[in-house]
């Protein structure tokens, strides 16, 4: 699995607008694409700026190419997103997911047999 990582920055008062754009436009579109495996939107709140990091997960580089085009390192930033960002990276990073861990499910607790008779 490949993680595609992009970052932009906005002011604290525009974070909600970017989040709304991501959840109502970007995420629904991504969910229709073959090879898309999920995403996270991270926000690092600062006093003057908020860093926004989008991490999307893909089955393969070919799946990313189908989404991003031939130049898979070029960021796809829609006009609506750019309008609420102070600045943003025009490129993305790709990382192979080397280890993935999920919480271990705890075994159900079985009460001891009743000794009442």
PDB file of N, CA and C in Angstrom:
ATOM      1  N   UNK A   1       0.857  -1.170   0.000  1.00  0.00           N
ATOM      2  CA  UNK A   1       0.000   0.000   0.000  1.00  0.00           C
ATOM      3  C   UNK A   1       0.903   1.232   0.000  1.00  0.00           C
ATOM      4  N   UNK A   2       0.447   2.271  -0.677  1.00  0.00           N
ATOM      5  CA  UNK A   2       1.203   3.519  -0.809  1.00  0.00           C
ATOM      6  C   UNK A   2       0.446   4.636  -0.084  1.00  0.00           C
ATOM      7  N   UNK A   3       1.175   5.407   0.728  1.00  0.00           N
ATOM      8  CA  UNK A   3       0.617   6.600   1.368  1.00  0.00           C
ATOM      9  C   UNK A   3       1.045   7.809   0.542  1.00  0.00           C
ATOM     10  N   UNK A   4       0.085   8.631   0.185  1.00  0.00           N
ATOM     11  CA  UNK A   4       0.325   9.880  -0.565  1.00  0.00           C
ATOM     12  C   UNK A   4       0.093  11.018   0.420  1.00  0.00           C
ATOM     13  N   UNK A   5       1.113  11.860   0.630  1.00  0.00           N
ATOM     14  CA  UNK A   5       1.065  12.860   1.704  1.00  0.00           C
ATOM     15  C   UNK A   5       1.227  14.263   1.117  1.00  0.00           C
ATOM     16  N   UNK A   6       0.302  15.131   1.485  1.00  0.00           N
ATOM     17  CA  UNK A   6       0.301  16.524   1.020  1.00  0.00           C
ATOM     18  C   UNK A   6       0.063  17.441   2.208  1.00  0.00           C
ATOM     19  N   UNK A   7       0.616  18.664   2.147  1.00  0.00           N
ATOM     20  CA  UNK A   7       0.416  19.607   3.238  1.00  0.00           C
ATOM     21  C   UNK A   7       0.130  21.010   2.724  1.00  0.00           C
ATOM     22  N   UNK A   8      -0.768  21.678   3.436  1.00  0.00           N
ATOM     23  CA  UNK A   8      -1.092  23.078   3.180  1.00  0.00           C
ATOM     24  C   UNK A   8      -1.264  23.793   4.509  1.00  0.00           C
ATOM     25  N   UNK A   9      -1.366  25.110   4.459  1.00  0.00           N
ATOM     26  CA  UNK A   9      -1.501  25.913   5.678  1.00  0.00           C
ATOM     27  C   UNK A   9      -2.624  26.922   5.509  1.00  0.00           C
ATOM     28  N   UNK A  10      -3.351  27.151   6.576  1.00  0.00           N
ATOM     29  CA  UNK A  10      -4.421  28.136   6.563  1.00  0.00           C
ATOM     30  C   UNK A  10      -4.456  28.851   7.911  1.00  0.00           C
ATOM     31  N   UNK A  11      -5.327  29.810   8.037  1.00  0.00           N
ATOM     32  CA  UNK A  11      -5.491  30.509   9.310  1.00  0.00           C
ATOM     33  C   UNK A  11      -6.511  29.740  10.158  1.00  0.00           C
ATOM     34  N   UNK A  12      -6.397  29.839  11.475  1.00  0.00           N
ATOM     35  CA  UNK A  12      -7.312  29.090  12.341  1.00  0.00           C
ATOM     36  C   UNK A  12      -8.797  29.325  12.026  1.00  0.00           C
ATOM     37  N   UNK A  13      -9.150  30.528  11.575  1.00  0.00           N
ATOM     38  CA  UNK A  13     -10.556  30.801  11.279  1.00  0.00           C
ATOM     39  C   UNK A  13     -11.039  30.156   9.981  1.00  0.00           C
ATOM     40  N   UNK A  14     -10.129  29.607   9.173  1.00  0.00           N
ATOM     41  CA  UNK A  14     -10.536  28.976   7.910  1.00  0.00           C
ATOM     42  C   UNK A  14     -10.370  27.452   7.918  1.00  0.00           C
ATOM     43  N   UNK A  15      -9.949  26.908   9.058  1.00  0.00           N
ATOM     44  CA  UNK A  15      -9.766  25.461   9.151  1.00  0.00           C
ATOM     45  C   UNK A  15     -11.073  24.723   8.880  1.00  0.00           C
ATOM     46  N   UNK A  16     -12.153  25.187   9.483  1.00  0.00           N
ATOM     47  CA  UNK A  16     -13.449  24.524   9.306  1.00  0.00           C
ATOM     48  C   UNK A  16     -13.875  24.545   7.838  1.00  0.00           C
ATOM     49  N   UNK A  17     -13.580  25.614   7.123  1.00  0.00           N
ATOM     50  CA  UNK A  17     -13.936  25.696   5.706  1.00  0.00           C
ATOM     51  C   UNK A  17     -13.147  24.670   4.896  1.00  0.00           C
ATOM     52  N   UNK A  18     -11.862  24.511   5.213  1.00  0.00           N
ATOM     53  CA  UNK A  18     -11.084  23.500   4.491  1.00  0.00           C
ATOM     54  C   UNK A  18     -11.593  22.095   4.828  1.00  0.00           C
ATOM     55  N   UNK A  19     -11.844  21.846   6.108  1.00  0.00           N
ATOM     56  CA  UNK A  19     -12.347  20.527   6.515  1.00  0.00           C
ATOM     57  C   UNK A  19     -13.664  20.210   5.802  1.00  0.00           C
ATOM     58  N   UNK A  20     -14.539  21.198   5.709  1.00  0.00           N
ATOM     59  CA  UNK A  20     -15.819  21.018   5.018  1.00  0.00           C
ATOM     60  C   UNK A  20     -15.581  20.678   3.546  1.00  0.00           C
ATOM     61  N   UNK A  21     -14.656  21.393   2.900  1.00  0.00           N
ATOM     62  CA  UNK A  21     -14.324  21.101   1.506  1.00  0.00           C
ATOM     63  C   UNK A  21     -13.828  19.658   1.370  1.00  0.00           C
ATOM     64  N   UNK A  22     -12.953  19.251   2.274  1.00  0.00           N
ATOM     65  CA  UNK A  22     -12.389  17.903   2.200  1.00  0.00           C
ATOM     66  C   UNK A  22     -13.478  16.837   2.369  1.00  0.00           C
ATOM     67  N   UNK A  23     -14.360  17.032   3.361  1.00  0.00           N
ATOM     68  CA  UNK A  23     -15.359  15.995   3.644  1.00  0.00           C
ATOM     69  C   UNK A  23     -16.537  15.989   2.676  1.00  0.00           C
ATOM     70  N   UNK A  24     -16.806  17.118   2.022  1.00  0.00           N
ATOM     71  CA  UNK A  24     -17.954  17.154   1.107  1.00  0.00           C
ATOM     72  C   UNK A  24     -17.572  17.037  -0.358  1.00  0.00           C
ATOM     73  N   UNK A  25     -16.307  17.278  -0.693  1.00  0.00           N
ATOM     74  CA  UNK A  25     -15.886  17.236  -2.093  1.00  0.00           C
ATOM     75  C   UNK A  25     -14.771  16.211  -2.332  1.00  0.00           C
ATOM     76  N   UNK A  26     -13.670  16.363  -1.626  1.00  0.00           N
ATOM     77  CA  UNK A  26     -12.501  15.505  -1.875  1.00  0.00           C
ATOM     78  C   UNK A  26     -12.780  14.055  -1.490  1.00  0.00           C
ATOM     79  N   UNK A  27     -13.168  13.847  -0.253  1.00  0.00           N
ATOM     80  CA  UNK A  27     -13.372  12.482   0.239  1.00  0.00           C
ATOM     81  C   UNK A  27     -14.413  11.708  -0.574  1.00  0.00           C
ATOM     82  N   UNK A  28     -15.586  12.263  -0.855  1.00  0.00           N
ATOM     83  CA  UNK A  28     -16.552  11.508  -1.658  1.00  0.00           C
ATOM     84  C   UNK A  28     -16.010  11.143  -3.045  1.00  0.00           C
ATOM     85  N   UNK A  29     -15.237  12.038  -3.652  1.00  0.00           N
ATOM     86  CA  UNK A  29     -14.641  11.733  -4.957  1.00  0.00           C
ATOM     87  C   UNK A  29     -13.632  10.595  -4.838  1.00  0.00           C
ATOM     88  N   UNK A  30     -12.758  10.673  -3.848  1.00  0.00           N
ATOM     89  CA  UNK A  30     -11.751   9.628  -3.668  1.00  0.00           C
ATOM     90  C   UNK A  30     -12.402   8.263  -3.484  1.00  0.00           C
ATOM     91  N   UNK A  31     -13.503   8.213  -2.756  1.00  0.00           N
ATOM     92  CA  UNK A  31     -14.160   6.943  -2.465  1.00  0.00           C
ATOM     93  C   UNK A  31     -14.740   6.263  -3.700  1.00  0.00           C
ATOM     94  N   UNK A  32     -14.823   6.979  -4.803  1.00  0.00           N
ATOM     95  CA  UNK A  32     -15.321   6.373  -6.046  1.00  0.00           C
ATOM     96  C   UNK A  32     -14.199   5.786  -6.896  1.00  0.00           C
ATOM     97  N   UNK A  33     -12.949   5.994  -6.505  1.00  0.00           N
ATOM     98  CA  UNK A  33     -11.814   5.622  -7.348  1.00  0.00           C
ATOM     99  C   UNK A  33     -11.288   4.228  -7.034  1.00  0.00           C
ATOM    100  N   UNK A  34     -11.001   3.480  -8.093  1.00  0.00           N
ATOM    101  CA  UNK A  34     -10.390   2.166  -7.929  1.00  0.00           C
ATOM    102  C   UNK A  34      -9.025   2.320  -7.287  1.00  0.00           C
ATOM    103  N   UNK A  35      -8.734   1.477  -6.335  1.00  0.00           N
ATOM    104  CA  UNK A  35      -7.427   1.492  -5.701  1.00  0.00           C
ATOM    105  C   UNK A  35      -7.307   2.410  -4.507  1.00  0.00           C
ATOM    106  N   UNK A  36      -8.322   3.241  -4.241  1.00  0.00           N
ATOM    107  CA  UNK A  36      -8.304   4.103  -3.060  1.00  0.00           C
ATOM    108  C   UNK A  36      -8.573   3.237  -1.840  1.00  0.00           C
ATOM    109  N   UNK A  37      -7.763   3.402  -0.783  1.00  0.00           N
ATOM    110  CA  UNK A  37      -7.866   2.546   0.405  1.00  0.00           C
ATOM    111  C   UNK A  37      -8.141   3.301   1.700  1.00  0.00           C
ATOM    112  N   UNK A  38      -8.341   4.610   1.633  1.00  0.00           N
ATOM    113  CA  UNK A  38      -8.677   5.366   2.835  1.00  0.00           C
ATOM    114  C   UNK A  38      -7.892   6.663   2.922  1.00  0.00           C
ATOM    115  N   UNK A  39      -8.216   7.461   3.948  1.00  0.00           N
ATOM    116  CA  UNK A  39      -7.527   8.737   4.114  1.00  0.00           C
ATOM    117  C   UNK A  39      -7.627   9.225   5.542  1.00  0.00           C
ATOM    118  N   UNK A  40      -6.740  10.132   5.858  1.00  0.00           N
ATOM    119  CA  UNK A  40      -6.757  10.879   7.112  1.00  0.00           C
ATOM    120  C   UNK A  40      -6.554  12.346   6.764  1.00  0.00           C
ATOM    121  N   UNK A  41      -7.210  13.224   7.500  1.00  0.00           N
ATOM    122  CA  UNK A  41      -6.957  14.654   7.407  1.00  0.00           C
ATOM    123  C   UNK A  41      -6.474  15.088   8.784  1.00  0.00           C
ATOM    124  N   UNK A  42      -5.244  15.586   8.841  1.00  0.00           N
ATOM    125  CA  UNK A  42      -4.630  15.978  10.104  1.00  0.00           C
ATOM    126  C   UNK A  42      -4.555  17.494  10.186  1.00  0.00           C
ATOM    127  N   UNK A  43      -4.774  18.034  11.381  1.00  0.00           N
ATOM    128  CA  UNK A  43      -4.697  19.477  11.588  1.00  0.00           C
ATOM    129  C   UNK A  43      -3.795  19.758  12.781  1.00  0.00           C
ATOM    130  N   UNK A  44      -2.833  20.635  12.584  1.00  0.00           N
ATOM    131  CA  UNK A  44      -1.930  21.039  13.657  1.00  0.00           C
ATOM    132  C   UNK A  44      -2.206  22.503  13.957  1.00  0.00           C
ATOM    133  N   UNK A  45      -2.926  22.725  15.018  1.00  0.00           N
ATOM    134  CA  UNK A  45      -3.393  24.077  15.339  1.00  0.00           C
ATOM    135  C   UNK A  45      -2.251  24.915  15.900  1.00  0.00           C
ATOM    136  N   UNK A  46      -2.039  26.057  15.270  1.00  0.00           N
ATOM    137  CA  UNK A  46      -1.066  27.028  15.746  1.00  0.00           C
ATOM    138  C   UNK A  46      -1.783  28.333  16.038  1.00  0.00           C
ATOM    139  N   UNK A  47      -1.080  29.278  16.589  1.00  0.00           N
ATOM    140  CA  UNK A  47      -1.717  30.556  16.912  1.00  0.00           C
ATOM    141  C   UNK A  47      -2.014  31.372  15.660  1.00  0.00           C
ATOM    142  N   UNK A  48      -1.080  31.373  14.706  1.00  0.00           N
ATOM    143  CA  UNK A  48      -1.286  32.181  13.502  1.00  0.00           C
ATOM    144  C   UNK A  48      -1.611  31.343  12.276  1.00  0.00           C
ATOM    145  N   UNK A  49      -1.204  30.083  12.281  1.00  0.00           N
ATOM    146  CA  UNK A  49      -1.462  29.202  11.140  1.00  0.00           C
ATOM    147  C   UNK A  49      -1.813  27.806  11.618  1.00  0.00           C
ATOM    148  N   UNK A  50      -2.552  27.120  10.780  1.00  0.00           N
ATOM    149  CA  UNK A  50      -2.865  25.720  11.018  1.00  0.00           C
ATOM    150  C   UNK A  50      -2.317  24.925   9.850  1.00  0.00           C
ATOM    151  N   UNK A  51      -1.486  23.947  10.159  1.00  0.00           N
ATOM    152  CA  UNK A  51      -0.984  23.046   9.117  1.00  0.00           C
ATOM    153  C   UNK A  51      -2.031  21.964   8.892  1.00  0.00           C
ATOM    154  N   UNK A  52      -2.317  21.706   7.639  1.00  0.00           N
ATOM    155  CA  UNK A  52      -3.262  20.660   7.252  1.00  0.00           C
ATOM    156  C   UNK A  52      -2.476  19.620   6.460  1.00  0.00           C
ATOM    157  N   UNK A  53      -2.561  18.382   6.892  1.00  0.00           N
ATOM    158  CA  UNK A  53      -1.872  17.296   6.205  1.00  0.00           C
ATOM    159  C   UNK A  53      -2.910  16.284   5.762  1.00  0.00           C
ATOM    160  N   UNK A  54      -2.945  16.013   4.482  1.00  0.00           N
ATOM    161  CA  UNK A  54      -3.834  14.988   3.934  1.00  0.00           C
ATOM    162  C   UNK A  54      -2.991  13.766   3.612  1.00  0.00           C
ATOM    163  N   UNK A  55      -3.402  12.631   4.158  1.00  0.00           N
ATOM    164  CA  UNK A  55      -2.730  11.367   3.884  1.00  0.00           C
ATOM    165  C   UNK A  55      -3.765  10.456   3.252  1.00  0.00           C
ATOM    166  N   UNK A  56      -3.524  10.087   2.002  1.00  0.00           N
ATOM    167  CA  UNK A  56      -4.417   9.157   1.329  1.00  0.00           C
ATOM    168  C   UNK A  56      -3.661   7.856   1.096  1.00  0.00           C
ATOM    169  N   UNK A  57      -4.402   6.768   1.096  1.00  0.00           N
ATOM    170  CA  UNK A  57      -3.799   5.445   0.939  1.00  0.00           C
ATOM    171  C   UNK A  57      -4.297   4.800  -0.344  1.00  0.00           C
ATOM    172  N   UNK A  58      -3.355   4.202  -1.066  1.00  0.00           N
ATOM    173  CA  UNK A  58      -3.637   3.659  -2.386  1.00  0.00           C
ATOM    174  C   UNK A  58      -3.064   2.255  -2.514  1.00  0.00           C
ATOM    175  N   UNK A  59      -3.736   1.470  -3.297  1.00  0.00           N
ATOM    176  CA  UNK A  59      -3.339   0.088  -3.556  1.00  0.00           C
ATOM    177  C   UNK A  59      -1.998   0.007  -4.281  1.00  0.00           C
ATOM    178  N   UNK A  60      -1.734   0.967  -5.185  1.00  0.00           N
ATOM    179  CA  UNK A  60      -0.524   0.900  -6.008  1.00  0.00           C
ATOM    180  C   UNK A  60      -0.219   2.261  -6.625  1.00  0.00           C
ATOM    181  N   UNK A  61       0.977   2.366  -7.200  1.00  0.00           N
ATOM    182  CA  UNK A  61       1.324   3.593  -7.933  1.00  0.00           C
ATOM    183  C   UNK A  61       0.444   3.749  -9.167  1.00  0.00           C
ATOM    184  N   UNK A  62       0.034   2.648  -9.772  1.00  0.00           N
ATOM    185  CA  UNK A  62      -0.872   2.737 -10.924  1.00  0.00           C
ATOM    186  C   UNK A  62      -2.213   3.350 -10.523  1.00  0.00           C
ATOM    187  N   UNK A  63      -2.705   3.015  -9.342  1.00  0.00           N
ATOM    188  CA  UNK A  63      -3.962   3.607  -8.863  1.00  0.00           C
ATOM    189  C   UNK A  63      -3.789   5.107  -8.639  1.00  0.00           C
ATOM    190  N   UNK A  64      -2.639   5.492  -8.115  1.00  0.00           N
ATOM    191  CA  UNK A  64      -2.357   6.922  -7.923  1.00  0.00           C
ATOM    192  C   UNK A  64      -2.285   7.621  -9.272  1.00  0.00           C
ATOM    193  N   UNK A  65      -1.639   6.991 -10.228  1.00  0.00           N
ATOM    194  CA  UNK A  65      -1.516   7.584 -11.568  1.00  0.00           C
ATOM    195  C   UNK A  65      -2.890   7.788 -12.207  1.00  0.00           C
ATOM    196  N   UNK A  66      -3.806   6.856 -11.995  1.00  0.00           N
ATOM    197  CA  UNK A  66      -5.157   6.997 -12.542  1.00  0.00           C
ATOM    198  C   UNK A  66      -5.867   8.203 -11.929  1.00  0.00           C
ATOM    199  N   UNK A  67      -5.544   8.514 -10.678  1.00  0.00           N
ATOM    200  CA  UNK A  67      -6.128   9.670  -9.987  1.00  0.00           C
ATOM    201  C   UNK A  67      -5.389  10.963 -10.330  1.00  0.00           C
ATOM    202  N   UNK A  68      -4.060  10.932 -10.241  1.00  0.00           N
ATOM    203  CA  UNK A  68      -3.255  12.155 -10.303  1.00  0.00           C
ATOM    204  C   UNK A  68      -2.738  12.494 -11.689  1.00  0.00           C
ATOM    205  N   UNK A  69      -2.707  11.521 -12.586  1.00  0.00           N
ATOM    206  CA  UNK A  69      -2.125  11.747 -13.904  1.00  0.00           C
ATOM    207  C   UNK A  69      -0.693  11.250 -13.946  1.00  0.00           C
ATOM    208  N   UNK A  70      -0.041  11.457 -15.072  1.00  0.00           N
ATOM    209  CA  UNK A  70       1.320  10.946 -15.285  1.00  0.00           C
ATOM    210  C   UNK A  70       2.318  11.447 -14.251  1.00  0.00           C
ATOM    211  N   UNK A  71       2.223  12.729 -13.888  1.00  0.00           N
ATOM    212  CA  UNK A  71       3.137  13.298 -12.891  1.00  0.00           C
ATOM    213  C   UNK A  71       2.525  13.093 -11.512  1.00  0.00           C
ATOM    214  N   UNK A  72       2.773  11.920 -10.929  1.00  0.00           N
ATOM    215  CA  UNK A  72       2.122  11.582  -9.660  1.00  0.00           C
ATOM    216  C   UNK A  72       2.628  12.415  -8.485  1.00  0.00           C
ATOM    217  N   UNK A  73       3.720  13.144  -8.684  1.00  0.00           N
ATOM    218  CA  UNK A  73       4.254  13.979  -7.596  1.00  0.00           C
ATOM    219  C   UNK A  73       3.642  15.373  -7.565  1.00  0.00           C
ATOM    220  N   UNK A  74       2.830  15.694  -8.560  1.00  0.00           N
ATOM    221  CA  UNK A  74       2.166  17.000  -8.588  1.00  0.00           C
ATOM    222  C   UNK A  74       0.910  16.938  -7.725  1.00  0.00           C
ATOM    223  N   UNK A  75       0.738  17.913  -6.859  1.00  0.00           N
ATOM    224  CA  UNK A  75      -0.444  17.975  -5.998  1.00  0.00           C
ATOM    225  C   UNK A  75      -1.666  18.400  -6.800  1.00  0.00           C
ATOM    226  N   UNK A  76      -2.803  17.796  -6.483  1.00  0.00           N
ATOM    227  CA  UNK A  76      -4.076  18.192  -7.075  1.00  0.00           C
ATOM    228  C   UNK A  76      -4.803  19.057  -6.059  1.00  0.00           C
ATOM    229  N   UNK A  77      -4.729  20.368  -6.216  1.00  0.00           N
ATOM    230  CA  UNK A  77      -5.358  21.294  -5.267  1.00  0.00           C
ATOM    231  C   UNK A  77      -6.464  22.032  -6.017  1.00  0.00           C
ATOM    232  N   UNK A  78      -7.696  21.760  -5.621  1.00  0.00           N
ATOM    233  CA  UNK A  78      -8.836  22.403  -6.274  1.00  0.00           C
ATOM    234  C   UNK A  78      -8.892  23.885  -5.923  1.00  0.00           C
ATOM    235  N   UNK A  79      -9.505  24.670  -6.784  1.00  0.00           N
ATOM    236  CA  UNK A  79      -9.630  26.113  -6.557  1.00  0.00           C
ATOM    237  C   UNK A  79     -10.318  26.426  -5.226  1.00  0.00           C
ATOM    238  N   UNK A  80     -11.339  25.637  -4.869  1.00  0.00           N
ATOM    239  CA  UNK A  80     -12.051  25.867  -3.614  1.00  0.00           C
ATOM    240  C   UNK A  80     -11.131  25.672  -2.412  1.00  0.00           C
ATOM    241  N   UNK A  81     -10.192  24.740  -2.509  1.00  0.00           N
ATOM    242  CA  UNK A  81      -9.223  24.524  -1.425  1.00  0.00           C
ATOM    243  C   UNK A  81      -8.212  25.661  -1.399  1.00  0.00           C
ATOM    244  N   UNK A  82      -7.681  26.007  -2.551  1.00  0.00           N
ATOM    245  CA  UNK A  82      -6.676  27.068  -2.625  1.00  0.00           C
ATOM    246  C   UNK A  82      -7.226  28.386  -2.077  1.00  0.00           C
ATOM    247  N   UNK A  83      -8.524  28.608  -2.221  1.00  0.00           N
ATOM    248  CA  UNK A  83      -9.139  29.856  -1.764  1.00  0.00           C
ATOM    249  C   UNK A  83      -9.080  30.037  -0.251  1.00  0.00           C
ATOM    250  N   UNK A  84      -8.985  28.942   0.506  1.00  0.00           N
ATOM    251  CA  UNK A  84      -8.955  29.075   1.967  1.00  0.00           C
ATOM    252  C   UNK A  84      -7.576  28.779   2.545  1.00  0.00           C
ATOM    253  N   UNK A  85      -6.615  28.503   1.688  1.00  0.00           N
ATOM    254  CA  UNK A  85      -5.262  28.223   2.147  1.00  0.00           C
ATOM    255  C   UNK A  85      -4.375  29.452   2.023  1.00  0.00           C
ATOM    256  N   UNK A  86      -3.470  29.628   2.975  1.00  0.00           N
ATOM    257  CA  UNK A  86      -2.478  30.694   2.916  1.00  0.00           C
ATOM    258  C   UNK A  86      -1.390  30.310   1.921  1.00  0.00           C
ATOM    259  N   UNK A  87      -0.975  29.049   1.993  1.00  0.00           N
ATOM    260  CA  UNK A  87       0.003  28.487   1.061  1.00  0.00           C
ATOM    261  C   UNK A  87      -0.139  26.974   1.102  1.00  0.00           C
ATOM    262  N   UNK A  88       0.440  26.308   0.111  1.00  0.00           N
ATOM    263  CA  UNK A  88       0.361  24.851   0.076  1.00  0.00           C
ATOM    264  C   UNK A  88       1.481  24.293  -0.780  1.00  0.00           C
ATOM    265  N   UNK A  89       1.817  23.047  -0.497  1.00  0.00           N
ATOM    266  CA  UNK A  89       2.831  22.368  -1.305  1.00  0.00           C
ATOM    267  C   UNK A  89       2.245  22.031  -2.668  1.00  0.00           C
ATOM    268  N   UNK A  90       3.034  22.245  -3.699  1.00  0.00           N
ATOM    269  CA  UNK A  90       2.586  21.920  -5.051  1.00  0.00           C
ATOM    270  C   UNK A  90       2.992  20.494  -5.438  1.00  0.00           C
ATOM    271  N   UNK A  91       3.712  19.838  -4.532  1.00  0.00           N
ATOM    272  CA  UNK A  91       4.095  18.449  -4.750  1.00  0.00           C
ATOM    273  C   UNK A  91       3.648  17.613  -3.557  1.00  0.00           C
ATOM    274  N   UNK A  92       3.636  16.314  -3.753  1.00  0.00           N
ATOM    275  CA  UNK A  92       3.274  15.373  -2.695  1.00  0.00           C
ATOM    276  C   UNK A  92       4.412  14.384  -2.507  1.00  0.00           C
ATOM    277  N   UNK A  93       4.396  13.687  -1.382  1.00  0.00           N
ATOM    278  CA  UNK A  93       5.349  12.613  -1.135  1.00  0.00           C
ATOM    279  C   UNK A  93       4.602  11.293  -1.176  1.00  0.00           C
ATOM    280  N   UNK A  94       5.300  10.263  -1.597  1.00  0.00           N
ATOM    281  CA  UNK A  94       4.746   8.914  -1.587  1.00  0.00           C
ATOM    282  C   UNK A  94       5.635   8.029  -0.730  1.00  0.00           C
ATOM    283  N   UNK A  95       5.003   7.255   0.132  1.00  0.00           N
ATOM    284  CA  UNK A  95       5.727   6.339   1.015  1.00  0.00           C
ATOM    285  C   UNK A  95       5.076   4.967   0.950  1.00  0.00           C
ATOM    286  N   UNK A  96       5.876   3.947   0.859  1.00  0.00           N
ATOM    287  CA  UNK A  96       5.382   2.574   0.963  1.00  0.00           C
ATOM    288  C   UNK A  96       5.017   2.333   2.427  1.00  0.00           C
ATOM    289  N   UNK A  97       3.835   1.809   2.671  1.00  0.00           N
ATOM    290  CA  UNK A  97       3.447   1.467   4.033  1.00  0.00           C
ATOM    291  C   UNK A  97       4.162   0.169   4.383  1.00  0.00           C
ATOM    292  N   UNK A  98       5.127   0.257   5.296  1.00  0.00           N
ATOM    293  CA  UNK A  98       5.956  -0.892   5.644  1.00  0.00           C
ATOM    294  C   UNK A  98       5.334  -1.734   6.747  1.00  0.00           C
ATOM    295  N   UNK A  99       4.663  -1.091   7.682  1.00  0.00           N
ATOM    296  CA  UNK A  99       4.024  -1.794   8.793  1.00  0.00           C
ATOM    297  C   UNK A  99       2.691  -1.124   9.053  1.00  0.00           C
ATOM    298  N   UNK A 100       1.689  -1.932   9.270  1.00  0.00           N
ATOM    299  CA  UNK A 100       0.375  -1.411   9.629  1.00  0.00           C
ATOM    300  C   UNK A 100      -0.089  -2.199  10.846  1.00  0.00           C
ATOM    301  N   UNK A 101      -0.515  -1.506  11.883  1.00  0.00           N
ATOM    302  CA  UNK A 101      -0.968  -2.177  13.093  1.00  0.00           C
ATOM    303  C   UNK A 101      -2.329  -1.638  13.496  1.00  0.00           C
ATOM    304  N   UNK A 102      -3.159  -2.520  13.946  1.00  0.00           N
ATOM    305  CA  UNK A 102      -4.480  -2.169  14.470  1.00  0.00           C
ATOM    306  C   UNK A 102      -4.532  -2.636  15.916  1.00  0.00           C
ATOM    307  N   UNK A 103      -5.408  -2.049  16.717  1.00  0.00           N
ATOM    308  CA  UNK A 103      -5.506  -2.491  18.106  1.00  0.00           C
ATOM    309  C   UNK A 103      -5.880  -3.972  18.171  1.00  0.00           C
ATOM    310  N   UNK A 104      -5.289  -4.646  19.137  1.00  0.00           N
ATOM    311  CA  UNK A 104      -5.634  -6.041  19.362  1.00  0.00           C
ATOM    312  C   UNK A 104      -6.970  -6.074  20.086  1.00  0.00           C
ATOM    313  N   UNK A 105      -7.868  -6.874  19.574  1.00  0.00           N
ATOM    314  CA  UNK A 105      -9.169  -7.006  20.218  1.00  0.00           C
ATOM    315  C   UNK A 105      -9.014  -7.823  21.494  1.00  0.00           C
ATOM    316  N   UNK A 106      -9.504  -7.295  22.564  1.00  0.00           N
ATOM    317  CA  UNK A 106      -9.435  -8.005  23.840  1.00  0.00           C
ATOM    318  C   UNK A 106     -10.377  -9.200  23.797  1.00  0.00           C
ATOM    319  N   UNK A 107      -9.946 -10.293  24.363  1.00  0.00           N
ATOM    320  CA  UNK A 107     -10.790 -11.476  24.450  1.00  0.00           C
ATOM    321  C   UNK A 107     -11.969 -11.161  25.349  1.00  0.00           C
ATOM    322  N   UNK A 108     -13.144 -11.705  25.022  1.00  0.00           N
ATOM    323  CA  UNK A 108     -14.298 -11.436  25.880  1.00  0.00           C
ATOM    324  C   UNK A 108     -14.086 -12.011  27.274  1.00  0.00           C
ATOM    325  N   UNK A 109     -14.571 -11.300  28.237  1.00  0.00           N
ATOM    326  CA  UNK A 109     -14.459 -11.754  29.617  1.00  0.00           C
ATOM    327  C   UNK A 109     -15.620 -12.712  29.893  1.00  0.00           C
ATOM    328  N   UNK A 110     -15.256 -13.943  30.262  1.00  0.00           N
ATOM    329  CA  UNK A 110     -16.281 -14.937  30.556  1.00  0.00           C
ATOM    330  C   UNK A 110     -16.358 -15.059  32.076  1.00  0.00           C
ATOM    331  N   UNK A 111     -17.518 -14.804  32.635  1.00  0.00           N
ATOM    332  CA  UNK A 111     -17.598 -14.878  34.095  1.00  0.00           C
ATOM    333  C   UNK A 111     -17.415 -16.317  34.559  1.00  0.00           C
ATOM    334  N   UNK A 112     -16.866 -16.485  35.762  1.00  0.00           N
ATOM    335  CA  UNK A 112     -16.689 -17.845  36.278  1.00  0.00           C
ATOM    336  C   UNK A 112     -18.049 -18.499  36.519  1.00  0.00           C
ATOM    337  N   UNK A 113     -18.077 -19.814  36.477  1.00  0.00           N
ATOM    338  CA  UNK A 113     -19.368 -20.498  36.719  1.00  0.00           C
ATOM    339  C   UNK A 113     -19.910 -20.155  38.114  1.00  0.00           C
ATOM    340  N   UNK A 114     -21.180 -20.070  38.207  1.00  0.00           N
ATOM    341  CA  UNK A 114     -21.832 -19.747  39.467  1.00  0.00           C
ATOM    342  C   UNK A 114     -21.683 -20.921  40.442  1.00  0.00           C
ATOM    343  N   UNK A 115     -21.370 -20.598  41.695  1.00  0.00           N
ATOM    344  CA  UNK A 115     -21.259 -21.644  42.708  1.00  0.00           C
ATOM    345  C   UNK A 115     -22.540 -21.751  43.532  1.00  0.00           C
ATOM    346  N   UNK A 116     -23.482 -20.872  43.228  1.00  0.00           N
ATOM    347  CA  UNK A 116     -24.755 -20.941  43.971  1.00  0.00           C
ATOM    348  C   UNK A 116     -25.549 -22.138  43.467  1.00  0.00           C
ATOM    349  N   UNK A 117     -26.247 -22.767  44.365  1.00  0.00           N
ATOM    350  CA  UNK A 117     -26.836 -23.966  43.970  1.00  0.00           C
ATOM    351  C   UNK A 117     -28.195 -24.235  44.004  1.00  0.00           C
TER     352      UNK A 117
END
